[in-house]
Amino acid sequence: MQPLIFEELHIDFITPIDMDQMLAEGWRHFGTYFFRYNMNIYKGQLCNVVPLRIRLEDFSFTKSQRKIIKKATGFSHKIQPVDISTEQLELFHLHKSRFKDGAPSSLYDFLSENPAKVPGKAKEVLIYDDKKLIAASYFDLGREAISSIYGMFDTSYNKYSLGIYTMILEIEYAIRSGYTYYYHGYCYDVESFYDYKKKFLAMEFYDWEEHWHPYEK
């Protein structure tokens, strides 16, 4: 069994290069709080935490992901520096109702008070049905990688898989912008709520010993 890793830092400012390095070492962050851990308790079971990323040069969408893109053709979207609006805060409170346990209390549990610049540059994806905001997500900008922070959606649009669609838009942005990797968080080595993160092609996982390997389903 690997030694337990549980580390945390508070970083008020980070460069794109340093963000890349920390992501490559299994770190995540919410606002200025950075953390990494290799084990967790899920539903009473000790499990391994598995950091994931997508190798964008080799990436392609699956059949089911292409269907999600097709279903969303009636919606519009924009990508811009993070600028939290009342509309986004209302969407957050609507979205958090889907959590039965451990519901977050605030969007600022995940973002700093100045999320476009602190601790580093970040952008948001906003998806609209006509003029109604129905989904949003937030991601970090490193030098060679982007990293998804948080996503939310109007639960009355469940059939459109908007949580996956915001990730798709982030990946498309990363490819257009010439990034090498897309980090989309952790999953567990047991069946869990996070299994949707395992359904992408060209993935790699971190072994907690400074190496990334192809992810085999």
N, C-alpha and C. Protein backbone atom coordinates (compact mmCIF):
# COMPACT_ATOMS: atom_id res chain seq x y z
N MET A 1 0.84 -1.20 0.00
CA MET A 1 0.00 0.00 0.00
C MET A 1 0.88 1.25 0.00
N GLN A 2 0.48 2.24 -0.77
CA GLN A 2 1.24 3.48 -0.84
C GLN A 2 1.15 4.24 0.48
N PRO A 3 2.17 5.02 0.81
CA PRO A 3 2.07 5.89 1.98
C PRO A 3 0.96 6.91 1.79
N LEU A 4 0.31 7.27 2.87
CA LEU A 4 -0.76 8.24 2.81
C LEU A 4 -0.23 9.61 2.42
N ILE A 5 -0.88 10.25 1.46
CA ILE A 5 -0.56 11.62 1.07
C ILE A 5 -1.76 12.49 1.40
N PHE A 6 -1.58 13.49 2.20
CA PHE A 6 -2.59 14.51 2.44
C PHE A 6 -1.86 15.81 2.68
N GLU A 7 -1.89 16.69 1.69
CA GLU A 7 -1.16 17.94 1.75
C GLU A 7 -2.07 19.09 1.36
N GLU A 8 -1.85 20.24 1.95
CA GLU A 8 -2.62 21.43 1.63
C GLU A 8 -1.76 22.67 1.75
N LEU A 9 -2.06 23.64 0.89
CA LEU A 9 -1.34 24.91 0.85
C LEU A 9 -2.32 26.03 0.56
N HIS A 10 -1.98 27.23 1.00
CA HIS A 10 -2.73 28.42 0.59
C HIS A 10 -1.81 29.26 -0.30
N ILE A 11 -2.24 29.49 -1.53
CA ILE A 11 -1.43 30.23 -2.51
C ILE A 11 -2.28 31.36 -3.06
N ASP A 12 -1.84 32.57 -2.85
CA ASP A 12 -2.60 33.75 -3.31
C ASP A 12 -2.35 34.08 -4.77
N PHE A 13 -1.17 33.68 -5.29
CA PHE A 13 -0.86 33.94 -6.70
C PHE A 13 0.00 32.80 -7.22
N ILE A 14 -0.34 32.32 -8.41
CA ILE A 14 0.43 31.25 -9.03
C ILE A 14 0.59 31.54 -10.52
N THR A 15 1.78 31.31 -11.05
CA THR A 15 2.04 31.53 -12.47
C THR A 15 1.48 30.36 -13.28
N PRO A 16 1.25 30.56 -14.57
CA PRO A 16 0.79 29.44 -15.41
C PRO A 16 1.74 28.25 -15.40
N ILE A 17 3.05 28.49 -15.39
CA ILE A 17 4.02 27.41 -15.36
C ILE A 17 3.92 26.62 -14.06
N ASP A 18 3.80 27.33 -12.94
CA ASP A 18 3.69 26.65 -11.65
C ASP A 18 2.35 25.92 -11.53
N MET A 19 1.30 26.47 -12.13
CA MET A 19 0.02 25.77 -12.14
C MET A 19 0.16 24.43 -12.87
N ASP A 20 0.81 24.44 -14.02
CA ASP A 20 1.05 23.19 -14.75
C ASP A 20 1.78 22.17 -13.88
N GLN A 21 2.81 22.63 -13.17
CA GLN A 21 3.61 21.72 -12.36
C GLN A 21 2.78 21.10 -11.24
N MET A 22 1.98 21.93 -10.59
CA MET A 22 1.17 21.41 -9.49
C MET A 22 0.10 20.44 -9.99
N LEU A 23 -0.52 20.75 -11.12
CA LEU A 23 -1.50 19.83 -11.70
C LEU A 23 -0.85 18.49 -12.03
N ALA A 24 0.37 18.55 -12.55
CA ALA A 24 1.08 17.32 -12.92
C ALA A 24 1.49 16.49 -11.71
N GLU A 25 1.46 17.10 -10.52
CA GLU A 25 1.80 16.39 -9.29
C GLU A 25 0.56 16.01 -8.48
N GLY A 26 -0.61 16.12 -9.11
CA GLY A 26 -1.84 15.67 -8.47
C GLY A 26 -2.54 16.69 -7.60
N TRP A 27 -2.13 17.96 -7.68
CA TRP A 27 -2.78 19.00 -6.88
C TRP A 27 -4.07 19.48 -7.56
N ARG A 28 -5.05 19.86 -6.74
CA ARG A 28 -6.25 20.56 -7.16
C ARG A 28 -6.37 21.81 -6.29
N HIS A 29 -7.30 22.69 -6.63
CA HIS A 29 -7.50 23.83 -5.75
C HIS A 29 -8.93 24.36 -5.85
N PHE A 30 -9.38 24.94 -4.76
CA PHE A 30 -10.61 25.73 -4.72
C PHE A 30 -10.22 27.10 -4.19
N GLY A 31 -10.32 28.11 -5.05
CA GLY A 31 -9.85 29.43 -4.65
C GLY A 31 -8.35 29.38 -4.39
N THR A 32 -7.93 29.90 -3.25
CA THR A 32 -6.51 29.91 -2.90
C THR A 32 -6.10 28.69 -2.08
N TYR A 33 -7.02 27.77 -1.86
CA TYR A 33 -6.75 26.55 -1.10
C TYR A 33 -6.37 25.43 -2.06
N PHE A 34 -5.12 24.99 -2.00
CA PHE A 34 -4.60 23.90 -2.84
C PHE A 34 -4.47 22.65 -1.99
N PHE A 35 -4.77 21.50 -2.58
CA PHE A 35 -4.77 20.26 -1.81
C PHE A 35 -4.47 19.08 -2.74
N ARG A 36 -3.98 18.02 -2.15
CA ARG A 36 -3.87 16.74 -2.84
C ARG A 36 -3.90 15.63 -1.80
N TYR A 37 -4.56 14.53 -2.13
CA TYR A 37 -4.65 13.39 -1.24
C TYR A 37 -4.85 12.14 -2.08
N ASN A 38 -4.28 11.04 -1.65
CA ASN A 38 -4.30 9.83 -2.47
C ASN A 38 -5.25 8.75 -1.96
N MET A 39 -5.92 9.01 -0.84
CA MET A 39 -6.90 8.06 -0.32
C MET A 39 -8.08 8.84 0.24
N ASN A 40 -9.24 8.18 0.24
CA ASN A 40 -10.43 8.82 0.79
C ASN A 40 -11.40 7.73 1.26
N ILE A 41 -12.39 8.14 2.03
CA ILE A 41 -13.47 7.24 2.45
C ILE A 41 -14.69 7.56 1.60
N TYR A 42 -15.20 6.58 0.87
CA TYR A 42 -16.41 6.77 0.07
C TYR A 42 -17.43 5.72 0.45
N LYS A 43 -18.56 6.18 0.97
CA LYS A 43 -19.63 5.28 1.44
C LYS A 43 -19.09 4.22 2.38
N GLY A 44 -18.25 4.68 3.31
CA GLY A 44 -17.71 3.80 4.33
C GLY A 44 -16.57 2.91 3.89
N GLN A 45 -16.11 3.08 2.65
CA GLN A 45 -15.07 2.22 2.09
C GLN A 45 -13.81 3.02 1.80
N LEU A 46 -12.66 2.53 2.27
CA LEU A 46 -11.39 3.17 1.94
C LEU A 46 -11.07 2.92 0.47
N CYS A 47 -10.78 3.98 -0.28
CA CYS A 47 -10.48 3.83 -1.70
C CYS A 47 -9.32 4.72 -2.10
N ASN A 48 -8.73 4.38 -3.23
CA ASN A 48 -7.64 5.18 -3.78
C ASN A 48 -8.19 6.31 -4.62
N VAL A 49 -7.57 7.46 -4.52
CA VAL A 49 -7.92 8.63 -5.32
C VAL A 49 -7.06 8.63 -6.58
N VAL A 50 -7.70 8.80 -7.74
CA VAL A 50 -7.00 8.68 -9.02
C VAL A 50 -7.11 10.00 -9.79
N PRO A 51 -6.05 10.82 -9.83
CA PRO A 51 -6.07 12.03 -10.66
C PRO A 51 -6.09 11.67 -12.15
N LEU A 52 -6.87 12.41 -12.92
CA LEU A 52 -7.04 12.13 -14.35
C LEU A 52 -6.69 13.35 -15.19
N ARG A 53 -6.26 13.10 -16.41
CA ARG A 53 -6.11 14.16 -17.40
C ARG A 53 -6.30 13.55 -18.78
N ILE A 54 -6.57 14.42 -19.76
CA ILE A 54 -6.76 14.00 -21.15
C ILE A 54 -5.60 14.52 -21.98
N ARG A 55 -5.02 13.65 -22.76
CA ARG A 55 -3.93 13.98 -23.69
C ARG A 55 -4.59 14.50 -24.97
N LEU A 56 -4.62 15.81 -25.14
CA LEU A 56 -5.46 16.43 -26.16
C LEU A 56 -5.04 16.10 -27.59
N GLU A 57 -3.77 15.84 -27.82
CA GLU A 57 -3.29 15.52 -29.16
C GLU A 57 -3.96 14.26 -29.70
N ASP A 58 -4.30 13.34 -28.80
CA ASP A 58 -4.88 12.05 -29.21
C ASP A 58 -6.37 11.95 -28.94
N PHE A 59 -6.97 13.04 -28.51
CA PHE A 59 -8.36 13.00 -28.07
C PHE A 59 -9.35 12.99 -29.23
N SER A 60 -10.45 12.26 -29.04
CA SER A 60 -11.61 12.35 -29.92
C SER A 60 -12.85 12.08 -29.07
N PHE A 61 -13.99 12.58 -29.53
CA PHE A 61 -15.22 12.38 -28.78
C PHE A 61 -15.79 10.99 -29.04
N THR A 62 -16.42 10.43 -28.01
CA THR A 62 -17.10 9.16 -28.16
C THR A 62 -18.45 9.39 -28.86
N LYS A 63 -19.09 8.30 -29.24
CA LYS A 63 -20.39 8.38 -29.88
C LYS A 63 -21.41 9.07 -28.98
N SER A 64 -21.41 8.73 -27.70
CA SER A 64 -22.37 9.34 -26.77
C SER A 64 -22.09 10.83 -26.58
N GLN A 65 -20.82 11.23 -26.58
CA GLN A 65 -20.48 12.64 -26.44
C GLN A 65 -20.88 13.44 -27.68
N ARG A 66 -20.76 12.82 -28.86
CA ARG A 66 -21.21 13.50 -30.07
C ARG A 66 -22.72 13.69 -30.05
N LYS A 67 -23.44 12.75 -29.45
CA LYS A 67 -24.89 12.89 -29.31
C LYS A 67 -25.23 14.07 -28.40
N ILE A 68 -24.47 14.24 -27.33
CA ILE A 68 -24.69 15.37 -26.43
C ILE A 68 -24.48 16.70 -27.17
N ILE A 69 -23.43 16.76 -27.99
CA ILE A 69 -23.17 17.97 -28.78
C ILE A 69 -24.33 18.25 -29.71
N LYS A 70 -24.84 17.21 -30.36
CA LYS A 70 -25.96 17.38 -31.29
C LYS A 70 -27.21 17.87 -30.59
N LYS A 71 -27.50 17.32 -29.40
CA LYS A 71 -28.69 17.71 -28.65
C LYS A 71 -28.62 19.17 -28.20
N ALA A 72 -27.41 19.70 -28.05
CA ALA A 72 -27.24 21.06 -27.54
C ALA A 72 -27.16 22.11 -28.64
N THR A 73 -27.43 21.73 -29.88
CA THR A 73 -27.26 22.68 -30.98
C THR A 73 -28.21 23.88 -30.88
N GLY A 74 -29.31 23.75 -30.15
CA GLY A 74 -30.23 24.88 -30.00
C GLY A 74 -29.81 25.88 -28.95
N PHE A 75 -28.74 25.58 -28.21
CA PHE A 75 -28.26 26.48 -27.17
C PHE A 75 -27.09 27.32 -27.69
N SER A 76 -26.86 28.46 -27.06
CA SER A 76 -25.69 29.28 -27.36
C SER A 76 -24.75 29.24 -26.16
N HIS A 77 -23.50 29.61 -26.39
CA HIS A 77 -22.58 29.66 -25.27
C HIS A 77 -21.51 30.73 -25.52
N LYS A 78 -20.84 31.11 -24.45
CA LYS A 78 -19.69 31.99 -24.56
C LYS A 78 -18.66 31.60 -23.52
N ILE A 79 -17.40 31.89 -23.82
CA ILE A 79 -16.29 31.62 -22.92
C ILE A 79 -15.55 32.93 -22.68
N GLN A 80 -15.36 33.28 -21.42
CA GLN A 80 -14.80 34.58 -21.07
C GLN A 80 -14.13 34.50 -19.71
N PRO A 81 -13.32 35.52 -19.33
CA PRO A 81 -12.78 35.55 -17.96
C PRO A 81 -13.91 35.49 -16.94
N VAL A 82 -13.68 34.81 -15.83
CA VAL A 82 -14.74 34.60 -14.84
C VAL A 82 -15.25 35.94 -14.31
N ASP A 83 -16.55 36.09 -14.33
CA ASP A 83 -17.21 37.31 -13.84
C ASP A 83 -18.54 36.88 -13.23
N ILE A 84 -18.52 36.57 -11.95
CA ILE A 84 -19.68 36.00 -11.27
C ILE A 84 -20.83 37.01 -11.22
N SER A 85 -21.98 36.57 -11.71
CA SER A 85 -23.18 37.41 -11.76
C SER A 85 -24.24 36.85 -10.81
N THR A 86 -25.24 37.66 -10.54
CA THR A 86 -26.38 37.19 -9.74
C THR A 86 -27.03 35.98 -10.39
N GLU A 87 -27.08 35.98 -11.71
CA GLU A 87 -27.65 34.87 -12.46
C GLU A 87 -26.88 33.58 -12.18
N GLN A 88 -25.58 33.66 -12.11
CA GLN A 88 -24.77 32.48 -11.83
C GLN A 88 -24.97 32.00 -10.38
N LEU A 89 -25.08 32.92 -9.46
CA LEU A 89 -25.31 32.54 -8.07
C LEU A 89 -26.66 31.86 -7.90
N GLU A 90 -27.66 32.33 -8.62
CA GLU A 90 -28.98 31.70 -8.58
C GLU A 90 -28.93 30.31 -9.17
N LEU A 91 -28.17 30.16 -10.26
CA LEU A 91 -28.01 28.84 -10.87
C LEU A 91 -27.32 27.87 -9.92
N PHE A 92 -26.32 28.36 -9.19
CA PHE A 92 -25.62 27.52 -8.22
C PHE A 92 -26.59 26.96 -7.19
N HIS A 93 -27.44 27.80 -6.64
CA HIS A 93 -28.36 27.35 -5.60
C HIS A 93 -29.41 26.38 -6.17
N LEU A 94 -29.77 26.56 -7.41
CA LEU A 94 -30.67 25.61 -8.06
C LEU A 94 -29.97 24.27 -8.26
N HIS A 95 -28.72 24.32 -8.70
CA HIS A 95 -27.97 23.09 -9.00
C HIS A 95 -27.66 22.30 -7.74
N LYS A 96 -27.35 22.96 -6.65
CA LYS A 96 -26.90 22.23 -5.46
C LYS A 96 -28.02 21.39 -4.86
N SER A 97 -29.27 21.62 -5.27
CA SER A 97 -30.39 20.83 -4.77
C SER A 97 -30.30 19.37 -5.20
N ARG A 98 -29.46 19.07 -6.20
CA ARG A 98 -29.34 17.68 -6.67
C ARG A 98 -28.48 16.84 -5.74
N PHE A 99 -27.76 17.48 -4.81
CA PHE A 99 -26.90 16.74 -3.90
C PHE A 99 -27.68 16.33 -2.66
N LYS A 100 -27.70 15.05 -2.37
CA LYS A 100 -28.39 14.56 -1.18
C LYS A 100 -27.53 14.73 0.05
N ASP A 101 -26.22 14.57 -0.10
CA ASP A 101 -25.29 14.71 1.02
C ASP A 101 -24.14 15.62 0.61
N GLY A 102 -23.64 16.36 1.56
CA GLY A 102 -22.45 17.18 1.33
C GLY A 102 -22.65 18.29 0.31
N ALA A 103 -23.85 18.88 0.25
CA ALA A 103 -24.10 19.95 -0.70
C ALA A 103 -23.23 21.16 -0.36
N PRO A 104 -22.57 21.75 -1.35
CA PRO A 104 -21.76 22.95 -1.08
C PRO A 104 -22.66 24.12 -0.69
N SER A 105 -22.11 25.03 0.10
CA SER A 105 -22.92 26.15 0.59
C SER A 105 -22.85 27.37 -0.31
N SER A 106 -21.77 27.51 -1.05
CA SER A 106 -21.57 28.73 -1.85
C SER A 106 -20.70 28.43 -3.06
N LEU A 107 -20.91 29.17 -4.13
CA LEU A 107 -20.04 29.07 -5.30
C LEU A 107 -18.61 29.46 -4.92
N TYR A 108 -18.49 30.30 -3.90
CA TYR A 108 -17.16 30.73 -3.46
C TYR A 108 -16.47 29.67 -2.60
N ASP A 109 -17.11 28.53 -2.40
CA ASP A 109 -16.38 27.37 -1.87
C ASP A 109 -15.37 26.88 -2.89
N PHE A 110 -15.60 27.19 -4.16
CA PHE A 110 -14.76 26.69 -5.26
C PHE A 110 -13.93 27.80 -5.93
N LEU A 111 -14.35 29.03 -5.78
CA LEU A 111 -13.71 30.15 -6.46
C LEU A 111 -13.30 31.21 -5.45
N SER A 112 -12.24 31.96 -5.79
CA SER A 112 -11.84 33.08 -4.95
C SER A 112 -12.78 34.26 -5.16
N GLU A 113 -12.60 35.31 -4.40
CA GLU A 113 -13.42 36.51 -4.55
C GLU A 113 -13.10 37.25 -5.85
N ASN A 114 -11.93 36.97 -6.43
CA ASN A 114 -11.53 37.57 -7.71
C ASN A 114 -11.08 36.44 -8.63
N PRO A 115 -12.01 35.56 -9.04
CA PRO A 115 -11.64 34.30 -9.68
C PRO A 115 -11.01 34.41 -11.05
N ALA A 116 -11.15 35.54 -11.74
CA ALA A 116 -10.52 35.70 -13.05
C ALA A 116 -9.01 35.83 -12.93
N LYS A 117 -8.53 36.23 -11.74
CA LYS A 117 -7.10 36.51 -11.58
C LYS A 117 -6.46 35.83 -10.37
N VAL A 118 -7.24 35.38 -9.41
CA VAL A 118 -6.70 34.83 -8.16
C VAL A 118 -7.21 33.40 -7.97
N PRO A 119 -6.29 32.45 -7.77
CA PRO A 119 -4.84 32.62 -7.67
C PRO A 119 -4.13 32.75 -9.01
N GLY A 120 -4.80 32.34 -10.10
CA GLY A 120 -4.26 32.50 -11.44
C GLY A 120 -5.39 32.82 -12.39
N LYS A 121 -5.10 32.90 -13.66
CA LYS A 121 -6.14 33.23 -14.62
C LYS A 121 -7.14 32.07 -14.76
N ALA A 122 -8.42 32.44 -14.87
CA ALA A 122 -9.46 31.43 -15.03
C ALA A 122 -10.55 31.99 -15.93
N LYS A 123 -11.22 31.08 -16.62
CA LYS A 123 -12.32 31.46 -17.50
C LYS A 123 -13.58 30.68 -17.14
N GLU A 124 -14.69 31.15 -17.69
CA GLU A 124 -15.97 30.49 -17.46
C GLU A 124 -16.63 30.15 -18.79
N VAL A 125 -17.38 29.08 -18.79
CA VAL A 125 -18.26 28.69 -19.89
C VAL A 125 -19.68 28.99 -19.45
N LEU A 126 -20.41 29.74 -20.25
CA LEU A 126 -21.81 30.06 -19.95
C LEU A 126 -22.67 29.56 -21.09
N ILE A 127 -23.69 28.77 -20.77
CA ILE A 127 -24.58 28.19 -21.78
C ILE A 127 -25.98 28.76 -21.59
N TYR A 128 -26.60 29.16 -22.71
CA TYR A 128 -27.90 29.83 -22.66
C TYR A 128 -28.93 29.11 -23.52
N ASP A 129 -30.14 29.06 -23.01
CA ASP A 129 -31.32 28.70 -23.79
C ASP A 129 -32.05 30.01 -24.05
N ASP A 130 -31.89 30.54 -25.26
CA ASP A 130 -32.29 31.92 -25.56
C ASP A 130 -31.52 32.85 -24.64
N LYS A 131 -32.16 33.55 -23.71
CA LYS A 131 -31.45 34.46 -22.81
C LYS A 131 -31.31 33.89 -21.40
N LYS A 132 -31.76 32.66 -21.21
CA LYS A 132 -31.74 32.05 -19.88
C LYS A 132 -30.44 31.28 -19.67
N LEU A 133 -29.72 31.58 -18.60
CA LEU A 133 -28.51 30.84 -18.26
C LEU A 133 -28.91 29.46 -17.73
N ILE A 134 -28.44 28.41 -18.38
CA ILE A 134 -28.83 27.06 -17.98
C ILE A 134 -27.65 26.20 -17.51
N ALA A 135 -26.43 26.66 -17.74
CA ALA A 135 -25.26 25.91 -17.27
C ALA A 135 -24.05 26.83 -17.25
N ALA A 136 -23.12 26.51 -16.38
CA ALA A 136 -21.87 27.28 -16.30
C ALA A 136 -20.78 26.37 -15.75
N SER A 137 -19.56 26.65 -16.15
CA SER A 137 -18.41 25.95 -15.57
C SER A 137 -17.22 26.89 -15.56
N TYR A 138 -16.22 26.50 -14.78
CA TYR A 138 -15.06 27.36 -14.54
C TYR A 138 -13.78 26.53 -14.68
N PHE A 139 -12.75 27.13 -15.30
CA PHE A 139 -11.52 26.37 -15.50
C PHE A 139 -10.29 27.27 -15.41
N ASP A 140 -9.20 26.68 -14.91
CA ASP A 140 -7.91 27.35 -14.79
C ASP A 140 -7.17 27.35 -16.11
N LEU A 141 -6.33 28.36 -16.28
CA LEU A 141 -5.44 28.43 -17.43
C LEU A 141 -3.99 28.30 -16.97
N GLY A 142 -3.36 27.17 -17.30
CA GLY A 142 -1.93 27.04 -17.11
C GLY A 142 -1.23 27.47 -18.39
N ARG A 143 0.03 27.09 -18.53
CA ARG A 143 0.75 27.39 -19.77
C ARG A 143 0.52 26.30 -20.81
N GLU A 144 0.54 25.04 -20.37
CA GLU A 144 0.38 23.90 -21.28
C GLU A 144 -0.90 23.13 -21.00
N ALA A 145 -1.63 23.52 -19.97
CA ALA A 145 -2.82 22.75 -19.58
C ALA A 145 -3.91 23.68 -19.08
N ILE A 146 -5.15 23.20 -19.19
CA ILE A 146 -6.25 23.83 -18.47
C ILE A 146 -6.83 22.80 -17.52
N SER A 147 -7.51 23.28 -16.49
CA SER A 147 -8.02 22.39 -15.46
C SER A 147 -9.42 22.81 -15.05
N SER A 148 -10.35 21.89 -15.17
CA SER A 148 -11.73 22.16 -14.79
C SER A 148 -11.84 22.33 -13.27
N ILE A 149 -12.56 23.35 -12.83
CA ILE A 149 -12.72 23.62 -11.40
C ILE A 149 -14.08 23.16 -10.90
N TYR A 150 -15.15 23.63 -11.56
CA TYR A 150 -16.51 23.32 -11.08
C TYR A 150 -17.48 23.56 -12.22
N GLY A 151 -18.52 22.75 -12.24
CA GLY A 151 -19.58 22.93 -13.23
C GLY A 151 -20.94 22.82 -12.58
N MET A 152 -21.94 23.50 -13.14
CA MET A 152 -23.30 23.47 -12.59
C MET A 152 -24.29 23.68 -13.72
N PHE A 153 -25.54 23.25 -13.48
CA PHE A 153 -26.55 23.37 -14.52
C PHE A 153 -27.94 23.40 -13.91
N ASP A 154 -28.88 23.87 -14.69
CA ASP A 154 -30.29 23.90 -14.33
C ASP A 154 -30.80 22.46 -14.37
N THR A 155 -31.26 21.94 -13.25
CA THR A 155 -31.65 20.54 -13.17
C THR A 155 -32.89 20.22 -14.01
N SER A 156 -33.64 21.22 -14.44
CA SER A 156 -34.78 20.94 -15.32
C SER A 156 -34.34 20.60 -16.74
N TYR A 157 -33.02 20.73 -17.02
CA TYR A 157 -32.45 20.38 -18.32
C TYR A 157 -31.63 19.09 -18.23
N ASN A 158 -31.96 18.22 -17.31
CA ASN A 158 -31.16 17.00 -17.09
C ASN A 158 -30.95 16.18 -18.35
N LYS A 159 -31.94 16.10 -19.22
CA LYS A 159 -31.84 15.23 -20.39
C LYS A 159 -30.76 15.68 -21.38
N TYR A 160 -30.25 16.88 -21.21
CA TYR A 160 -29.23 17.39 -22.14
C TYR A 160 -27.79 17.12 -21.66
N SER A 161 -27.64 16.52 -20.49
CA SER A 161 -26.29 16.20 -19.97
C SER A 161 -25.38 17.42 -20.00
N LEU A 162 -25.86 18.53 -19.46
CA LEU A 162 -25.13 19.79 -19.56
C LEU A 162 -23.83 19.78 -18.76
N GLY A 163 -23.76 18.95 -17.71
CA GLY A 163 -22.49 18.84 -16.99
C GLY A 163 -21.38 18.30 -17.88
N ILE A 164 -21.71 17.31 -18.70
CA ILE A 164 -20.75 16.79 -19.67
C ILE A 164 -20.52 17.80 -20.79
N TYR A 165 -21.57 18.49 -21.18
CA TYR A 165 -21.44 19.44 -22.29
C TYR A 165 -20.51 20.59 -21.94
N THR A 166 -20.55 21.09 -20.70
CA THR A 166 -19.59 22.14 -20.33
C THR A 166 -18.17 21.62 -20.41
N MET A 167 -17.95 20.36 -20.03
CA MET A 167 -16.61 19.76 -20.16
C MET A 167 -16.21 19.67 -21.62
N ILE A 168 -17.13 19.28 -22.47
CA ILE A 168 -16.86 19.20 -23.91
C ILE A 168 -16.42 20.57 -24.44
N LEU A 169 -17.12 21.62 -24.03
CA LEU A 169 -16.77 22.96 -24.50
C LEU A 169 -15.40 23.39 -23.97
N GLU A 170 -15.08 23.01 -22.74
CA GLU A 170 -13.75 23.30 -22.20
C GLU A 170 -12.67 22.58 -23.00
N ILE A 171 -12.92 21.32 -23.32
CA ILE A 171 -11.95 20.55 -24.11
C ILE A 171 -11.77 21.17 -25.49
N GLU A 172 -12.87 21.53 -26.14
CA GLU A 172 -12.77 22.16 -27.46
C GLU A 172 -11.98 23.46 -27.38
N TYR A 173 -12.20 24.24 -26.33
CA TYR A 173 -11.44 25.49 -26.14
C TYR A 173 -9.95 25.17 -25.99
N ALA A 174 -9.63 24.15 -25.18
CA ALA A 174 -8.23 23.79 -24.95
C ALA A 174 -7.55 23.36 -26.25
N ILE A 175 -8.25 22.58 -27.07
CA ILE A 175 -7.68 22.12 -28.34
C ILE A 175 -7.45 23.31 -29.28
N ARG A 176 -8.47 24.17 -29.41
CA ARG A 176 -8.32 25.35 -30.28
C ARG A 176 -7.17 26.24 -29.83
N SER A 177 -6.94 26.30 -28.53
CA SER A 177 -5.93 27.22 -27.98
C SER A 177 -4.55 26.59 -27.92
N GLY A 178 -4.42 25.34 -28.35
CA GLY A 178 -3.11 24.71 -28.43
C GLY A 178 -2.58 24.13 -27.13
N TYR A 179 -3.46 23.84 -26.17
CA TYR A 179 -3.00 23.24 -24.92
C TYR A 179 -2.69 21.76 -25.12
N THR A 180 -1.88 21.22 -24.22
CA THR A 180 -1.46 19.82 -24.30
C THR A 180 -2.35 18.91 -23.48
N TYR A 181 -2.79 19.39 -22.30
CA TYR A 181 -3.56 18.55 -21.39
C TYR A 181 -4.82 19.26 -20.89
N TYR A 182 -5.82 18.44 -20.61
CA TYR A 182 -7.03 18.90 -19.94
C TYR A 182 -7.19 18.07 -18.68
N TYR A 183 -7.09 18.71 -17.52
CA TYR A 183 -7.27 18.03 -16.25
C TYR A 183 -8.72 18.16 -15.82
N HIS A 184 -9.34 17.02 -15.54
CA HIS A 184 -10.75 17.07 -15.17
C HIS A 184 -11.03 16.44 -13.81
N GLY A 185 -10.01 16.45 -12.96
CA GLY A 185 -10.22 16.11 -11.56
C GLY A 185 -9.86 14.69 -11.19
N TYR A 186 -10.39 14.29 -10.04
CA TYR A 186 -10.14 12.97 -9.50
C TYR A 186 -11.31 12.03 -9.76
N CYS A 187 -11.04 10.74 -9.73
CA CYS A 187 -12.07 9.73 -9.56
C CYS A 187 -11.55 8.77 -8.49
N TYR A 188 -12.32 7.74 -8.19
CA TYR A 188 -11.91 6.71 -7.24
C TYR A 188 -11.69 5.39 -7.97
N ASP A 189 -11.00 4.46 -7.31
CA ASP A 189 -10.80 3.14 -7.91
C ASP A 189 -11.95 2.19 -7.56
N VAL A 190 -13.05 2.74 -7.07
CA VAL A 190 -14.29 2.00 -6.86
C VAL A 190 -15.41 2.76 -7.57
N GLU A 191 -16.52 2.10 -7.79
CA GLU A 191 -17.66 2.76 -8.42
C GLU A 191 -18.13 3.92 -7.56
N SER A 192 -18.32 5.10 -8.18
CA SER A 192 -18.68 6.27 -7.40
C SER A 192 -19.38 7.32 -8.26
N PHE A 193 -19.79 8.38 -7.61
CA PHE A 193 -20.41 9.54 -8.24
C PHE A 193 -19.53 10.13 -9.33
N TYR A 194 -18.21 9.93 -9.23
CA TYR A 194 -17.26 10.55 -10.14
C TYR A 194 -16.97 9.72 -11.38
N ASP A 195 -17.70 8.65 -11.60
CA ASP A 195 -17.38 7.76 -12.71
C ASP A 195 -17.58 8.40 -14.08
N TYR A 196 -18.38 9.46 -14.17
CA TYR A 196 -18.54 10.15 -15.45
C TYR A 196 -17.21 10.68 -15.96
N LYS A 197 -16.26 10.93 -15.08
CA LYS A 197 -14.96 11.44 -15.50
C LYS A 197 -14.13 10.38 -16.21
N LYS A 198 -14.52 9.12 -16.08
CA LYS A 198 -13.77 8.02 -16.68
C LYS A 198 -14.18 7.76 -18.13
N LYS A 199 -15.16 8.48 -18.63
CA LYS A 199 -15.77 8.14 -19.92
C LYS A 199 -15.23 8.97 -21.08
N PHE A 200 -13.98 9.39 -20.99
CA PHE A 200 -13.35 10.15 -22.06
C PHE A 200 -12.19 9.35 -22.64
N LEU A 201 -11.89 9.59 -23.89
CA LEU A 201 -10.78 8.91 -24.55
C LEU A 201 -9.46 9.65 -24.31
N ALA A 202 -8.37 8.95 -24.58
CA ALA A 202 -7.01 9.50 -24.47
C ALA A 202 -6.70 9.99 -23.06
N MET A 203 -7.18 9.25 -22.05
CA MET A 203 -6.94 9.65 -20.67
C MET A 203 -5.65 9.06 -20.12
N GLU A 204 -5.12 9.76 -19.12
CA GLU A 204 -4.00 9.28 -18.34
C GLU A 204 -4.35 9.40 -16.86
N PHE A 205 -3.67 8.59 -16.03
CA PHE A 205 -3.86 8.69 -14.58
C PHE A 205 -2.50 8.84 -13.90
N TYR A 206 -2.52 9.45 -12.73
CA TYR A 206 -1.30 9.71 -11.96
C TYR A 206 -1.12 8.61 -10.92
N ASP A 207 0.11 8.10 -10.79
CA ASP A 207 0.37 6.99 -9.88
C ASP A 207 0.87 7.43 -8.51
N TRP A 208 0.91 8.73 -8.25
CA TRP A 208 1.39 9.32 -6.99
C TRP A 208 2.88 9.07 -6.78
N GLU A 209 3.57 8.68 -7.84
CA GLU A 209 5.02 8.51 -7.78
C GLU A 209 5.68 9.28 -8.93
N GLU A 210 5.06 10.40 -9.29
CA GLU A 210 5.58 11.34 -10.29
C GLU A 210 5.47 10.83 -11.71
N HIS A 211 4.57 9.88 -11.97
CA HIS A 211 4.42 9.35 -13.32
C HIS A 211 2.94 9.31 -13.70
N TRP A 212 2.69 9.61 -14.99
CA TRP A 212 1.36 9.47 -15.58
C TRP A 212 1.37 8.28 -16.55
N HIS A 213 0.25 7.55 -16.60
CA HIS A 213 0.16 6.35 -17.41
C HIS A 213 -1.16 6.37 -18.19
N PRO A 214 -1.22 5.68 -19.34
CA PRO A 214 -2.49 5.56 -20.05
C PRO A 214 -3.54 4.92 -19.14
N TYR A 215 -4.73 5.48 -19.17
CA TYR A 215 -5.83 4.95 -18.34
C TYR A 215 -6.54 3.85 -19.12
N GLU A 216 -6.59 2.68 -18.54
CA GLU A 216 -7.28 1.55 -19.15
C GLU A 216 -8.56 1.29 -18.40
N LYS A 217 -9.69 1.28 -19.10
CA LYS A 217 -10.98 1.09 -18.44
C LYS A 217 -11.11 -0.36 -17.97
